[in-house]
C-alpha atoms as a PDB file:
ATOM      1  CA  UNK A   1     -36.769 -36.584   0.933  1.00  0.00           C
ATOM      2  CA  UNK A   2     -33.144 -37.233   1.716  1.00  0.00           C
ATOM      3  CA  UNK A   3     -31.852 -40.765   1.925  1.00  0.00           C
ATOM      4  CA  UNK A   4     -30.505 -41.611   5.326  1.00  0.00           C
ATOM      5  CA  UNK A   5     -27.543 -43.677   4.190  1.00  0.00           C
ATOM      6  CA  UNK A   6     -26.437 -44.134   7.797  1.00  0.00           C
ATOM      7  CA  UNK A   7     -29.678 -45.874   8.694  1.00  0.00           C
ATOM      8  CA  UNK A   8     -29.554 -48.107   5.623  1.00  0.00           C
ATOM      9  CA  UNK A   9     -25.968 -49.076   6.385  1.00  0.00           C
ATOM     10  CA  UNK A  10     -26.854 -49.825   9.993  1.00  0.00           C
ATOM     11  CA  UNK A  11     -29.722 -52.064   8.927  1.00  0.00           C
ATOM     12  CA  UNK A  12     -27.453 -53.942   6.547  1.00  0.00           C
ATOM     13  CA  UNK A  13     -24.704 -54.264   9.131  1.00  0.00           C
ATOM     14  CA  UNK A  14     -27.144 -55.571  11.705  1.00  0.00           C
ATOM     15  CA  UNK A  15     -27.864 -58.524   9.467  1.00  0.00           C
ATOM     16  CA  UNK A  16     -24.195 -59.457   9.203  1.00  0.00           C
ATOM     17  CA  UNK A  17     -22.611 -62.316  11.092  1.00  0.00           C
ATOM     18  CA  UNK A  18     -19.522 -62.774  13.161  1.00  0.00           C
ATOM     19  CA  UNK A  19     -17.634 -66.033  12.785  1.00  0.00           C
ATOM     20  CA  UNK A  20     -19.059 -69.150  14.423  1.00  0.00           C
ATOM     21  CA  UNK A  21     -18.409 -69.435  18.135  1.00  0.00           C
ATOM     22  CA  UNK A  22     -16.468 -72.115  20.009  1.00  0.00           C
ATOM     23  CA  UNK A  23     -16.197 -73.341  23.585  1.00  0.00           C
ATOM     24  CA  UNK A  24     -12.779 -74.639  24.661  1.00  0.00           C
ATOM     25  CA  UNK A  25     -12.038 -76.736  27.764  1.00  0.00           C
ATOM     26  CA  UNK A  26      -8.458 -77.312  28.934  1.00  0.00           C
ATOM     27  CA  UNK A  27      -7.846 -80.264  31.281  1.00  0.00           C
ATOM     28  CA  UNK A  28      -5.151 -79.644  33.913  1.00  0.00           C
ATOM     29  CA  UNK A  29      -3.744 -81.392  36.958  1.00  0.00           C
ATOM     30  CA  UNK A  30      -4.969 -78.738  39.388  1.00  0.00           C
ATOM     31  CA  UNK A  31      -5.874 -75.065  39.381  1.00  0.00           C
ATOM     32  CA  UNK A  32      -3.709 -74.029  42.306  1.00  0.00           C
ATOM     33  CA  UNK A  33      -0.659 -76.236  41.849  1.00  0.00           C
ATOM     34  CA  UNK A  34       0.066 -76.069  38.131  1.00  0.00           C
ATOM     35  CA  UNK A  35      -0.129 -72.466  37.018  1.00  0.00           C
ATOM     36  CA  UNK A  36       1.641 -73.021  33.698  1.00  0.00           C
ATOM     37  CA  UNK A  37      -1.100 -75.429  32.615  1.00  0.00           C
ATOM     38  CA  UNK A  38      -3.707 -72.654  32.825  1.00  0.00           C
ATOM     39  CA  UNK A  39      -4.424 -70.834  29.542  1.00  0.00           C
ATOM     40  CA  UNK A  40      -4.926 -67.121  30.210  1.00  0.00           C
ATOM     41  CA  UNK A  41      -8.090 -65.558  28.795  1.00  0.00           C
ATOM     42  CA  UNK A  42      -6.179 -63.564  26.168  1.00  0.00           C
ATOM     43  CA  UNK A  43      -3.965 -66.457  25.039  1.00  0.00           C
ATOM     44  CA  UNK A  44      -4.807 -68.258  21.799  1.00  0.00           C
ATOM     45  CA  UNK A  45      -4.490 -72.041  21.512  1.00  0.00           C
ATOM     46  CA  UNK A  46      -5.875 -74.969  19.567  1.00  0.00           C
ATOM     47  CA  UNK A  47      -6.114 -76.367  16.072  1.00  0.00           C
ATOM     48  CA  UNK A  48      -9.092 -74.050  15.654  1.00  0.00           C
ATOM     49  CA  UNK A  49      -7.428 -71.018  17.287  1.00  0.00           C
ATOM     50  CA  UNK A  50      -9.397 -69.440  20.098  1.00  0.00           C
ATOM     51  CA  UNK A  51      -8.916 -67.491  23.309  1.00  0.00           C
ATOM     52  CA  UNK A  52     -10.960 -67.629  26.533  1.00  0.00           C
ATOM     53  CA  UNK A  53     -10.368 -71.308  27.259  1.00  0.00           C
ATOM     54  CA  UNK A  54     -12.074 -72.780  30.335  1.00  0.00           C
ATOM     55  CA  UNK A  55      -9.476 -74.379  32.649  1.00  0.00           C
ATOM     56  CA  UNK A  56     -10.485 -77.393  34.720  1.00  0.00           C
ATOM     57  CA  UNK A  57      -8.506 -78.755  37.652  1.00  0.00           C
ATOM     58  CA  UNK A  58      -8.186 -82.274  38.980  1.00  0.00           C
ATOM     59  CA  UNK A  59      -9.460 -85.714  38.065  1.00  0.00           C
ATOM     60  CA  UNK A  60     -13.133 -84.945  38.709  1.00  0.00           C
ATOM     61  CA  UNK A  61     -15.262 -81.846  39.004  1.00  0.00           C
ATOM     62  CA  UNK A  62     -17.913 -79.506  37.643  1.00  0.00           C
ATOM     63  CA  UNK A  63     -17.774 -76.046  36.070  1.00  0.00           C
ATOM     64  CA  UNK A  64     -20.959 -74.083  35.465  1.00  0.00           C
ATOM     65  CA  UNK A  65     -21.471 -71.311  32.902  1.00  0.00           C
ATOM     66  CA  UNK A  66     -18.641 -72.084  30.492  1.00  0.00           C
ATOM     67  CA  UNK A  67     -17.349 -69.082  28.535  1.00  0.00           C
ATOM     68  CA  UNK A  68     -17.216 -69.080  24.752  1.00  0.00           C
ATOM     69  CA  UNK A  69     -14.345 -67.903  22.554  1.00  0.00           C
ATOM     70  CA  UNK A  70     -15.520 -64.289  22.910  1.00  0.00           C
ATOM     71  CA  UNK A  71     -15.397 -64.534  26.703  1.00  0.00           C
ATOM     72  CA  UNK A  72     -19.190 -64.493  26.996  1.00  0.00           C
ATOM     73  CA  UNK A  73     -20.795 -66.747  29.610  1.00  0.00           C
ATOM     74  CA  UNK A  74     -22.959 -69.455  28.031  1.00  0.00           C
ATOM     75  CA  UNK A  75     -25.622 -71.849  29.274  1.00  0.00           C
ATOM     76  CA  UNK A  76     -23.146 -74.752  29.047  1.00  0.00           C
ATOM     77  CA  UNK A  77     -21.829 -76.593  32.112  1.00  0.00           C
ATOM     78  CA  UNK A  78     -19.350 -79.477  32.287  1.00  0.00           C
ATOM     79  CA  UNK A  79     -19.007 -82.397  34.688  1.00  0.00           C
ATOM     80  CA  UNK A  80     -16.023 -84.711  34.267  1.00  0.00           C
ATOM     81  CA  UNK A  81     -14.645 -87.923  35.785  1.00  0.00           C
ATOM     82  CA  UNK A  82     -11.257 -89.460  34.978  1.00  0.00           C
ATOM     83  CA  UNK A  83      -8.890 -92.040  36.335  1.00  0.00           C
ATOM     84  CA  UNK A  84      -6.292 -89.386  37.080  1.00  0.00           C
ATOM     85  CA  UNK A  85      -4.371 -86.423  35.729  1.00  0.00           C
ATOM     86  CA  UNK A  86      -0.819 -86.059  34.496  1.00  0.00           C
ATOM     87  CA  UNK A  87       1.463 -83.738  32.539  1.00  0.00           C
ATOM     88  CA  UNK A  88       3.911 -83.680  29.625  1.00  0.00           C
ATOM     89  CA  UNK A  89       7.211 -82.294  30.923  1.00  0.00           C
ATOM     90  CA  UNK A  90       8.487 -81.599  27.408  1.00  0.00           C
ATOM     91  CA  UNK A  91       5.987 -78.732  27.173  1.00  0.00           C
ATOM     92  CA  UNK A  92       7.073 -77.199  30.477  1.00  0.00           C
ATOM     93  CA  UNK A  93       9.419 -74.443  29.273  1.00  0.00           C
ATOM     94  CA  UNK A  94       7.073 -73.192  26.575  1.00  0.00           C
ATOM     95  CA  UNK A  95       4.155 -73.404  28.981  1.00  0.00           C
ATOM     96  CA  UNK A  96       6.109 -71.268  31.472  1.00  0.00           C
ATOM     97  CA  UNK A  97       6.633 -68.774  28.632  1.00  0.00           C
ATOM     98  CA  UNK A  98       2.883 -68.547  28.057  1.00  0.00           C
ATOM     99  CA  UNK A  99       2.674 -70.451  24.752  1.00  0.00           C
ATOM    100  CA  UNK A 100      -0.985 -71.419  24.470  1.00  0.00           C
ATOM    101  CA  UNK A 101      -0.559 -74.745  22.684  1.00  0.00           C
ATOM    102  CA  UNK A 102       2.108 -75.792  25.186  1.00  0.00           C
ATOM    103  CA  UNK A 103      -0.245 -74.963  28.061  1.00  0.00           C
ATOM    104  CA  UNK A 104      -3.019 -76.966  26.397  1.00  0.00           C
ATOM    105  CA  UNK A 105      -0.613 -79.876  25.923  1.00  0.00           C
ATOM    106  CA  UNK A 106       1.064 -79.585  29.339  1.00  0.00           C
ATOM    107  CA  UNK A 107      -1.703 -81.110  31.456  1.00  0.00           C
ATOM    108  CA  UNK A 108      -4.034 -83.949  30.520  1.00  0.00           C
ATOM    109  CA  UNK A 109      -6.298 -86.702  31.738  1.00  0.00           C
ATOM    110  CA  UNK A 110      -4.768 -90.134  32.223  1.00  0.00           C
ATOM    111  CA  UNK A 111      -6.839 -93.244  32.812  1.00  0.00           C
ATOM    112  CA  UNK A 112      -4.266 -94.527  35.342  1.00  0.00           C
ATOM    113  CA  UNK A 113      -4.500 -98.190  34.389  1.00  0.00           C
ATOM    114  CA  UNK A 114      -8.138 -98.477  33.509  1.00  0.00           C
ATOM    115  CA  UNK A 115     -10.026 -95.723  35.303  1.00  0.00           C
ATOM    116  CA  UNK A 116     -13.136 -94.676  33.386  1.00  0.00           C
ATOM    117  CA  UNK A 117     -13.158 -91.235  31.780  1.00  0.00           C
ATOM    118  CA  UNK A 118     -16.270 -89.338  30.811  1.00  0.00           C
ATOM    119  CA  UNK A 119     -17.423 -85.767  30.480  1.00  0.00           C
ATOM    120  CA  UNK A 120     -20.873 -84.322  30.033  1.00  0.00           C
ATOM    121  CA  UNK A 121     -21.676 -80.837  28.775  1.00  0.00           C
ATOM    122  CA  UNK A 122     -25.256 -79.777  29.380  1.00  0.00           C
ATOM    123  CA  UNK A 123     -26.870 -76.662  27.955  1.00  0.00           C
ATOM    124  CA  UNK A 124     -24.764 -76.566  24.777  1.00  0.00           C
ATOM    125  CA  UNK A 125     -25.885 -73.268  23.183  1.00  0.00           C
ATOM    126  CA  UNK A 126     -25.469 -74.390  19.562  1.00  0.00           C
ATOM    127  CA  UNK A 127     -28.167 -76.168  17.550  1.00  0.00           C
ATOM    128  CA  UNK A 128     -25.558 -78.192  15.677  1.00  0.00           C
ATOM    129  CA  UNK A 129     -21.912 -78.581  16.638  1.00  0.00           C
ATOM    130  CA  UNK A 130     -18.728 -80.595  16.191  1.00  0.00           C
ATOM    131  CA  UNK A 131     -16.410 -81.968  18.881  1.00  0.00           C
ATOM    132  CA  UNK A 132     -12.630 -81.627  18.507  1.00  0.00           C
ATOM    133  CA  UNK A 133     -10.595 -83.601  21.078  1.00  0.00           C
ATOM    134  CA  UNK A 134      -6.887 -82.994  21.791  1.00  0.00           C
ATOM    135  CA  UNK A 135      -4.543 -85.777  22.898  1.00  0.00           C
ATOM    136  CA  UNK A 136      -1.265 -85.424  24.815  1.00  0.00           C
ATOM    137  CA  UNK A 137       1.217 -87.808  26.422  1.00  0.00           C
ATOM    138  CA  UNK A 138       4.444 -88.037  28.402  1.00  0.00           C
ATOM    139  CA  UNK A 139       5.400 -91.238  26.571  1.00  0.00           C
ATOM    140  CA  UNK A 140       5.330 -91.403  22.769  1.00  0.00           C
ATOM    141  CA  UNK A 141       4.269 -94.586  21.056  1.00  0.00           C
ATOM    142  CA  UNK A 142       1.230 -96.729  20.639  1.00  0.00           C
ATOM    143  CA  UNK A 143      -0.389 -96.578  24.036  1.00  0.00           C
ATOM    144  CA  UNK A 144      -2.071 -93.232  24.455  1.00  0.00           C
ATOM    145  CA  UNK A 145      -4.472 -92.592  21.579  1.00  0.00           C
ATOM    146  CA  UNK A 146      -7.630 -94.371  22.662  1.00  0.00           C
ATOM    147  CA  UNK A 147     -10.899 -93.603  20.906  1.00  0.00           C
ATOM    148  CA  UNK A 148     -13.784 -91.508  22.176  1.00  0.00           C
ATOM    149  CA  UNK A 149     -17.535 -91.926  21.783  1.00  0.00           C
ATOM    150  CA  UNK A 150     -19.687 -88.777  21.793  1.00  0.00           C
ATOM    151  CA  UNK A 151     -23.475 -89.059  21.731  1.00  0.00           C
ATOM    152  CA  UNK A 152     -23.133 -92.547  20.271  1.00  0.00           C
ATOM    153  CA  UNK A 153     -20.630 -91.634  17.529  1.00  0.00           C
ATOM    154  CA  UNK A 154     -17.062 -92.986  17.694  1.00  0.00           C
ATOM    155  CA  UNK A 155     -13.906 -91.101  16.749  1.00  0.00           C
ATOM    156  CA  UNK A 156     -10.160 -91.464  17.175  1.00  0.00           C
ATOM    157  CA  UNK A 157      -6.920 -90.175  15.653  1.00  0.00           C
ATOM    158  CA  UNK A 158      -5.930 -91.538  12.251  1.00  0.00           C
ATOM    159  CA  UNK A 159      -3.031 -93.545  13.647  1.00  0.00           C
ATOM    160  CA  UNK A 160      -2.236 -95.082  17.026  1.00  0.00           C
ATOM    161  CA  UNK A 161       1.086 -93.408  17.618  1.00  0.00           C
ATOM    162  CA  UNK A 162       1.902 -89.950  18.869  1.00  0.00           C
ATOM    163  CA  UNK A 163       4.903 -87.863  19.823  1.00  0.00           C
ATOM    164  CA  UNK A 164       5.508 -85.734  22.872  1.00  0.00           C
ATOM    165  CA  UNK A 165       5.444 -81.972  22.660  1.00  0.00           C
ATOM    166  CA  UNK A 166       8.521 -80.525  20.959  1.00  0.00           C
ATOM    167  CA  UNK A 167       9.835 -77.144  22.056  1.00  0.00           C
ATOM    168  CA  UNK A 168      11.571 -76.889  18.687  1.00  0.00           C
ATOM    169  CA  UNK A 169       8.473 -77.234  16.560  1.00  0.00           C
ATOM    170  CA  UNK A 170       5.750 -76.601  19.125  1.00  0.00           C
ATOM    171  CA  UNK A 171       2.466 -78.455  19.217  1.00  0.00           C
ATOM    172  CA  UNK A 172       1.375 -79.554  15.776  1.00  0.00           C
ATOM    173  CA  UNK A 173      -2.288 -80.466  16.033  1.00  0.00           C
ATOM    174  CA  UNK A 174      -3.358 -82.765  13.219  1.00  0.00           C
ATOM    175  CA  UNK A 175      -5.295 -85.962  12.581  1.00  0.00           C
ATOM    176  CA  UNK A 176      -2.627 -88.026  14.354  1.00  0.00           C
ATOM    177  CA  UNK A 177      -3.204 -86.418  17.761  1.00  0.00           C
ATOM    178  CA  UNK A 178      -6.767 -85.091  17.535  1.00  0.00           C
ATOM    179  CA  UNK A 179     -10.164 -86.665  16.950  1.00  0.00           C
ATOM    180  CA  UNK A 180     -13.170 -84.912  15.437  1.00  0.00           C
ATOM    181  CA  UNK A 181     -16.798 -85.978  15.710  1.00  0.00           C
ATOM    182  CA  UNK A 182     -19.253 -83.981  13.615  1.00  0.00           C
ATOM    183  CA  UNK A 183     -23.002 -83.450  13.421  1.00  0.00           C
ATOM    184  CA  UNK A 184     -23.785 -83.424  17.145  1.00  0.00           C
ATOM    185  CA  UNK A 185     -26.909 -81.940  18.734  1.00  0.00           C
ATOM    186  CA  UNK A 186     -28.273 -81.477  22.243  1.00  0.00           C
ATOM    187  CA  UNK A 187     -26.297 -82.154  25.412  1.00  0.00           C
ATOM    188  CA  UNK A 188     -22.871 -83.753  24.976  1.00  0.00           C
ATOM    189  CA  UNK A 189     -21.883 -87.031  26.643  1.00  0.00           C
ATOM    190  CA  UNK A 190     -18.398 -88.307  25.792  1.00  0.00           C
ATOM    191  CA  UNK A 191     -16.688 -91.480  27.021  1.00  0.00           C
ATOM    192  CA  UNK A 192     -13.089 -92.529  26.424  1.00  0.00           C
ATOM    193  CA  UNK A 193     -12.246 -96.137  25.590  1.00  0.00           C
ATOM    194  CA  UNK A 194     -10.865 -98.109  28.524  1.00  0.00           C
ATOM    195  CA  UNK A 195      -7.269 -99.286  28.477  1.00  0.00           C
ATOM    196  CA  UNK A 196      -6.778-102.492  26.530  1.00  0.00           C
ATOM    197  CA  UNK A 197      -6.280-105.757  28.413  1.00  0.00           C
ATOM    198  CA  UNK A 198      -2.595-105.808  27.417  1.00  0.00           C
ATOM    199  CA  UNK A 199      -2.000-102.504  29.215  1.00  0.00           C
ATOM    200  CA  UNK A 200      -1.819-100.405  26.075  1.00  0.00           C
ATOM    201  CA  UNK A 201      -4.265 -97.777  24.942  1.00  0.00           C
ATOM    202  CA  UNK A 202      -4.024 -95.102  27.598  1.00  0.00           C
ATOM    203  CA  UNK A 203      -6.801 -92.529  27.187  1.00  0.00           C
ATOM    204  CA  UNK A 204      -4.822 -89.309  27.600  1.00  0.00           C
ATOM    205  CA  UNK A 205      -6.632 -86.188  26.430  1.00  0.00           C
ATOM    206  CA  UNK A 206      -5.566 -82.597  26.982  1.00  0.00           C
ATOM    207  CA  UNK A 207      -8.847 -80.855  26.239  1.00  0.00           C
ATOM    208  CA  UNK A 208     -11.556 -80.320  23.668  1.00  0.00           C
ATOM    209  CA  UNK A 209     -13.491 -77.725  21.704  1.00  0.00           C
ATOM    210  CA  UNK A 210     -17.180 -77.538  20.911  1.00  0.00           C
ATOM    211  CA  UNK A 211     -17.419 -75.876  17.497  1.00  0.00           C
ATOM    212  CA  UNK A 212     -20.633 -74.202  16.418  1.00  0.00           C
ATOM    213  CA  UNK A 213     -21.805 -75.601  13.078  1.00  0.00           C
ATOM    214  CA  UNK A 214     -24.910 -73.457  12.534  1.00  0.00           C
ATOM    215  CA  UNK A 215     -23.852 -69.842  12.246  1.00  0.00           C
ATOM    216  CA  UNK A 216     -26.534 -67.287  11.379  1.00  0.00           C
ATOM    217  CA  UNK A 217     -26.498 -66.850   7.589  1.00  0.00           C
ATOM    218  CA  UNK A 218     -25.182 -63.753   5.896  1.00  0.00           C
ATOM    219  CA  UNK A 219     -27.736 -61.178   4.626  1.00  0.00           C
ATOM    220  CA  UNK A 220     -29.830 -62.777   1.880  1.00  0.00           C
ATOM    221  CA  UNK A 221     -29.938 -61.420  -1.639  1.00  0.00           C
ATOM    222  CA  UNK A 222     -33.638 -60.733  -1.096  1.00  0.00           C
ATOM    223  CA  UNK A 223     -32.863 -58.401   1.792  1.00  0.00           C
ATOM    224  CA  UNK A 224     -30.178 -56.609  -0.169  1.00  0.00           C
ATOM    225  CA  UNK A 225     -32.537 -56.129  -3.112  1.00  0.00           C
ATOM    226  CA  UNK A 226     -35.178 -54.795  -0.740  1.00  0.00           C
ATOM    227  CA  UNK A 227     -32.773 -52.237   0.708  1.00  0.00           C
ATOM    228  CA  UNK A 228     -31.787 -51.138  -2.778  1.00  0.00           C
ATOM    229  CA  UNK A 229     -35.429 -50.725  -3.733  1.00  0.00           C
ATOM    230  CA  UNK A 230     -36.107 -48.686  -0.628  1.00  0.00           C
ATOM    231  CA  UNK A 231     -33.209 -46.397  -1.425  1.00  0.00           C
ATOM    232  CA  UNK A 232     -34.462 -45.898  -4.995  1.00  0.00           C
ATOM    233  CA  UNK A 233     -37.993 -45.125  -3.806  1.00  0.00           C
ATOM    234  CA  UNK A 234     -36.702 -42.547  -1.342  1.00  0.00           C
ATOM    235  CA  UNK A 235     -34.637 -40.862  -4.077  1.00  0.00           C
ATOM    236  CA  UNK A 236     -37.717 -40.547  -6.356  1.00  0.00           C
ATOM    237  CA  UNK A 237     -39.745 -38.975  -3.577  1.00  0.00           C
ATOM    238  CA  UNK A 238     -37.251 -36.193  -2.903  1.00  0.00           C
END
């Protein structure tokens, strides 16, 4: 009996895994009026680089069937409410040139002096996931990096200052202008801190990613041993 190496290889390949998926949401001022804030499907952006970002538009709204980083429609839907929307003019030229991180940075939510900001994502398709939130501002300093609470867990950037987008260095996403909350499950409910009583603490976020934390494991050693044994048996029966 001849060994069908093609079949064995196909079985092994079928047990392989692509990298974990992500869902990215980009907050913008409006869909129709701010084209350079929209990230095209083939454009890559983010601290965890991905394409196929979902672009929102306006201070409130709903988007059903969010796409993942592969462009595949998921079961996830988002509803958001904010105090207002704004944009960082320093990112304008790069955003016009199609630079993904500039487009992500260009438009953002602004609490507009105390307006509440929340977003809910239902139908998250991942058993376990992390939330990565991006901050942006048109005014550097201490007033724009408010914290965020997701499913009861609080997160915020490491420091309370942040710089505007720089067309010389581009957007540098790090722990000073992002917040990460890990170990989340189920539907996502996130709420931004309200502006402090002294007028500081604007909650200005440019978007977020939901990062799958439970990828299917690679083929186990047991499976690989089993395939090897099958191949040996077939050789002996020739």
